[in-house]
N, C-alpha and C. Protein backbone atom coordinates (compact mmCIF):
# COMPACT_ATOMS: atom_id res chain seq x y z
N MET A 1 91.87 48.17 95.77
CA MET A 1 92.65 48.07 96.94
C MET A 1 91.99 46.72 97.34
N GLY A 2 92.51 45.80 98.02
CA GLY A 2 91.97 44.59 98.64
C GLY A 2 92.85 43.85 99.57
N PHE A 3 92.26 42.19 99.72
CA PHE A 3 93.17 41.81 100.95
C PHE A 3 94.38 42.26 101.23
N ARG A 4 95.31 42.22 100.54
CA ARG A 4 96.59 42.17 100.87
C ARG A 4 97.08 43.75 101.40
N TYR A 5 96.60 44.66 100.84
CA TYR A 5 96.69 46.03 100.86
C TYR A 5 96.29 46.29 102.57
N TYR A 6 94.88 45.66 102.86
CA TYR A 6 94.16 46.06 103.61
C TYR A 6 95.12 45.08 105.07
N SER A 7 95.34 43.99 104.50
CA SER A 7 95.99 43.21 105.77
C SER A 7 97.95 43.80 106.21
N THR A 8 97.93 44.53 105.17
CA THR A 8 99.55 44.95 105.52
C THR A 8 99.32 46.17 106.23
N TYR A 9 98.60 47.25 105.74
CA TYR A 9 98.00 48.37 106.28
C TYR A 9 97.66 48.10 108.01
N LYS A 10 96.75 47.46 108.09
CA LYS A 10 96.37 47.20 109.50
C LYS A 10 97.49 46.42 110.28
N ALA A 11 98.17 45.57 109.55
CA ALA A 11 98.88 44.62 110.45
C ALA A 11 100.40 45.28 111.07
N GLN A 12 100.71 45.90 110.13
CA GLN A 12 101.63 47.68 110.49
C GLN A 12 101.16 48.05 111.40
N PHE A 13 100.17 48.75 111.11
CA PHE A 13 99.78 49.50 112.28
C PHE A 13 99.50 48.90 113.89
N LEU A 14 98.87 47.88 113.90
CA LEU A 14 99.00 46.92 114.92
C LEU A 14 100.35 46.58 115.86
N GLY A 15 101.20 46.71 114.97
CA GLY A 15 102.66 46.29 115.25
C GLY A 15 102.66 44.71 115.40
N LEU A 16 102.06 43.97 114.08
CA LEU A 16 102.03 42.19 113.85
C LEU A 16 103.37 42.14 113.16
N THR A 17 103.61 40.83 112.64
CA THR A 17 104.44 40.92 112.02
C THR A 17 104.03 39.55 111.17
N GLY A 18 104.74 39.16 109.56
CA GLY A 18 104.52 38.26 108.91
C GLY A 18 104.47 38.70 107.63
N TRP A 19 103.45 38.18 106.72
CA TRP A 19 103.42 38.20 105.62
C TRP A 19 101.79 37.65 104.94
N VAL A 20 101.81 38.16 103.52
CA VAL A 20 100.67 37.96 103.04
C VAL A 20 100.77 38.16 101.47
N ARG A 21 100.32 36.74 100.71
CA ARG A 21 100.44 36.36 99.63
C ARG A 21 99.20 36.01 98.60
N ASN A 22 99.07 35.91 97.34
CA ASN A 22 98.25 35.59 96.79
C ASN A 22 98.69 34.17 96.13
N CYS A 23 97.46 33.05 96.16
CA CYS A 23 98.18 31.84 95.89
C CYS A 23 97.85 31.46 94.58
N ASP A 24 98.31 30.72 93.91
CA ASP A 24 98.02 30.21 92.27
C ASP A 24 96.70 29.62 92.13
N ASP A 25 95.84 29.39 93.30
CA ASP A 25 94.37 29.01 92.99
C ASP A 25 93.71 30.17 93.45
N GLY A 26 93.96 31.55 93.41
CA GLY A 26 93.09 32.53 93.54
C GLY A 26 92.91 32.61 95.16
N SER A 27 93.25 32.02 96.02
CA SER A 27 93.19 32.20 97.28
C SER A 27 94.37 33.28 98.17
N VAL A 28 94.28 33.54 99.02
CA VAL A 28 95.05 34.41 99.77
C VAL A 28 95.76 33.92 100.85
N GLU A 29 97.06 33.70 101.06
CA GLU A 29 97.35 33.06 102.50
C GLU A 29 98.19 34.25 103.29
N MET A 30 98.24 33.94 104.56
CA MET A 30 98.81 35.06 105.47
C MET A 30 99.10 34.34 106.48
N GLU A 31 100.78 34.83 106.98
CA GLU A 31 101.17 34.25 108.21
C GLU A 31 101.23 35.24 109.10
N VAL A 32 100.67 35.60 110.21
CA VAL A 32 100.80 36.62 111.21
C VAL A 32 101.47 36.02 112.81
N GLN A 33 102.33 37.30 113.14
CA GLN A 33 102.67 36.77 114.57
C GLN A 33 102.31 37.95 115.56
N GLY A 34 102.04 37.83 116.61
CA GLY A 34 101.56 38.84 117.30
C GLY A 34 100.72 38.13 118.50
N GLU A 35 100.43 39.08 119.23
CA GLU A 35 99.35 38.56 120.37
C GLU A 35 98.49 38.36 119.77
N PRO A 36 97.54 37.28 120.48
CA PRO A 36 96.22 36.77 119.81
C PRO A 36 95.02 37.71 119.92
N GLU A 37 94.99 38.77 120.72
CA GLU A 37 94.01 39.81 120.59
C GLU A 37 94.51 40.48 119.47
N LEU A 38 95.69 40.91 119.24
CA LEU A 38 95.99 41.72 117.88
C LEU A 38 95.44 41.13 116.68
N ILE A 39 95.73 39.57 116.64
CA ILE A 39 95.32 39.34 115.66
C ILE A 39 93.86 38.70 115.25
N SER A 40 93.41 38.67 116.46
CA SER A 40 92.06 38.76 116.15
C SER A 40 91.21 39.91 115.70
N ASP A 41 91.84 41.21 116.12
CA ASP A 41 91.73 42.66 115.87
C ASP A 41 91.84 42.62 114.12
N LEU A 42 93.06 42.13 113.90
CA LEU A 42 93.37 42.14 112.26
C LEU A 42 92.36 41.21 111.42
N ILE A 43 91.81 40.48 111.94
CA ILE A 43 90.65 39.71 111.29
C ILE A 43 89.39 40.19 111.24
N HIS A 44 88.86 40.74 112.27
CA HIS A 44 87.52 41.38 112.18
C HIS A 44 87.83 42.79 111.38
N TYR A 45 89.22 43.44 111.90
CA TYR A 45 88.78 44.55 110.62
C TYR A 45 88.74 44.07 109.12
N LEU A 46 89.33 43.27 108.81
CA LEU A 46 89.67 42.67 107.31
C LEU A 46 88.10 41.96 107.16
N ASP A 47 87.29 41.59 108.05
CA ASP A 47 86.21 41.09 107.74
C ASP A 47 85.20 42.15 107.58
N ARG A 48 85.49 43.32 108.05
CA ARG A 48 84.49 44.46 107.75
C ARG A 48 84.77 45.22 106.39
N GLN A 49 86.02 45.23 105.73
CA GLN A 49 86.47 45.73 104.92
C GLN A 49 85.11 45.93 103.49
N ARG A 50 84.88 46.87 102.47
CA ARG A 50 84.13 46.61 101.66
C ARG A 50 84.58 45.87 100.57
N PHE A 51 85.73 45.71 100.04
CA PHE A 51 86.39 45.01 99.01
C PHE A 51 87.14 43.79 99.46
N VAL A 52 87.00 43.16 100.67
CA VAL A 52 87.42 42.03 101.05
C VAL A 52 86.37 40.84 101.63
N ARG A 53 86.49 39.54 101.06
CA ARG A 53 85.25 38.50 101.36
C ARG A 53 86.14 37.53 101.73
N ILE A 54 86.16 37.10 103.11
CA ILE A 54 86.26 35.85 103.62
C ILE A 54 85.56 34.55 103.60
N ASP A 55 85.64 33.90 102.60
CA ASP A 55 84.36 32.67 102.50
C ASP A 55 85.29 31.44 103.35
N ARG A 56 86.30 31.53 103.48
CA ARG A 56 86.88 30.25 104.60
C ARG A 56 88.27 30.65 105.12
N MET A 57 88.68 30.14 106.74
CA MET A 57 89.66 30.49 106.84
C MET A 57 90.09 29.22 107.85
N ASP A 58 91.49 28.80 107.36
CA ASP A 58 92.13 27.88 108.27
C ASP A 58 93.08 28.20 109.28
N GLU A 59 93.30 27.67 110.05
CA GLU A 59 94.18 28.08 111.34
C GLU A 59 95.12 27.20 111.47
N GLU A 60 96.55 27.45 111.42
CA GLU A 60 97.52 26.37 112.29
C GLU A 60 98.42 26.99 112.90
N GLU A 61 99.39 26.68 113.98
CA GLU A 61 100.52 26.97 114.56
C GLU A 61 101.39 26.35 113.78
N GLU A 62 102.54 27.27 113.93
CA GLU A 62 103.60 26.66 113.09
C GLU A 62 104.65 26.98 114.30
N ASP A 63 105.86 26.40 113.77
CA ASP A 63 107.26 26.92 114.30
C ASP A 63 107.41 28.25 114.13
N LEU A 64 108.03 28.96 114.98
CA LEU A 64 108.27 30.46 114.73
C LEU A 64 109.61 30.63 114.04
N GLN A 65 109.17 31.45 112.93
CA GLN A 65 110.28 32.02 112.05
C GLN A 65 109.95 33.64 112.48
N THR A 66 111.20 33.87 112.84
CA THR A 66 111.12 35.49 113.51
C THR A 66 111.02 36.32 112.29
N GLU A 67 110.04 37.52 112.27
CA GLU A 67 109.46 38.04 111.42
C GLU A 67 109.93 39.82 111.92
N THR A 68 110.37 40.41 111.18
CA THR A 68 110.60 41.86 111.39
C THR A 68 109.73 42.81 111.06
N SER A 69 108.84 42.63 110.29
CA SER A 69 107.62 43.48 109.90
C SER A 69 106.89 42.96 109.21
N PHE A 70 105.70 43.40 108.81
CA PHE A 70 104.68 42.87 107.99
C PHE A 70 104.51 43.17 106.45
N ARG A 71 104.66 42.10 105.79
CA ARG A 71 105.09 42.92 104.43
C ARG A 71 103.84 41.71 103.25
N GLU A 72 104.09 42.31 102.03
CA GLU A 72 103.17 41.38 100.96
C GLU A 72 104.29 40.30 100.13
N VAL A 73 104.31 39.58 99.89
CA VAL A 73 105.31 38.72 99.47
C VAL A 73 104.96 38.00 98.26
N TRP A 74 105.74 37.89 97.51
CA TRP A 74 105.75 37.32 95.72
C TRP A 74 106.39 35.96 95.48
N TRP A 75 106.46 35.15 96.32
CA TRP A 75 106.76 33.63 96.33
C TRP A 75 105.69 32.78 96.71
């Protein structure tokens, strides 16, 4: 179990929406929608997981794409 698993589990538990995926360069990309405090809770949760390592995190705001759940994507 790793980043995508823990991200999906916790984001769904917190009621966040969006997606997470592996990138070709080995990094992981995630888009999260929800209350800022809950997004912060997700990030702190991930940072405390034994099999997850966050070396760098870039943050940017984007136009809202309405999501109905949080899921792993493969595109």
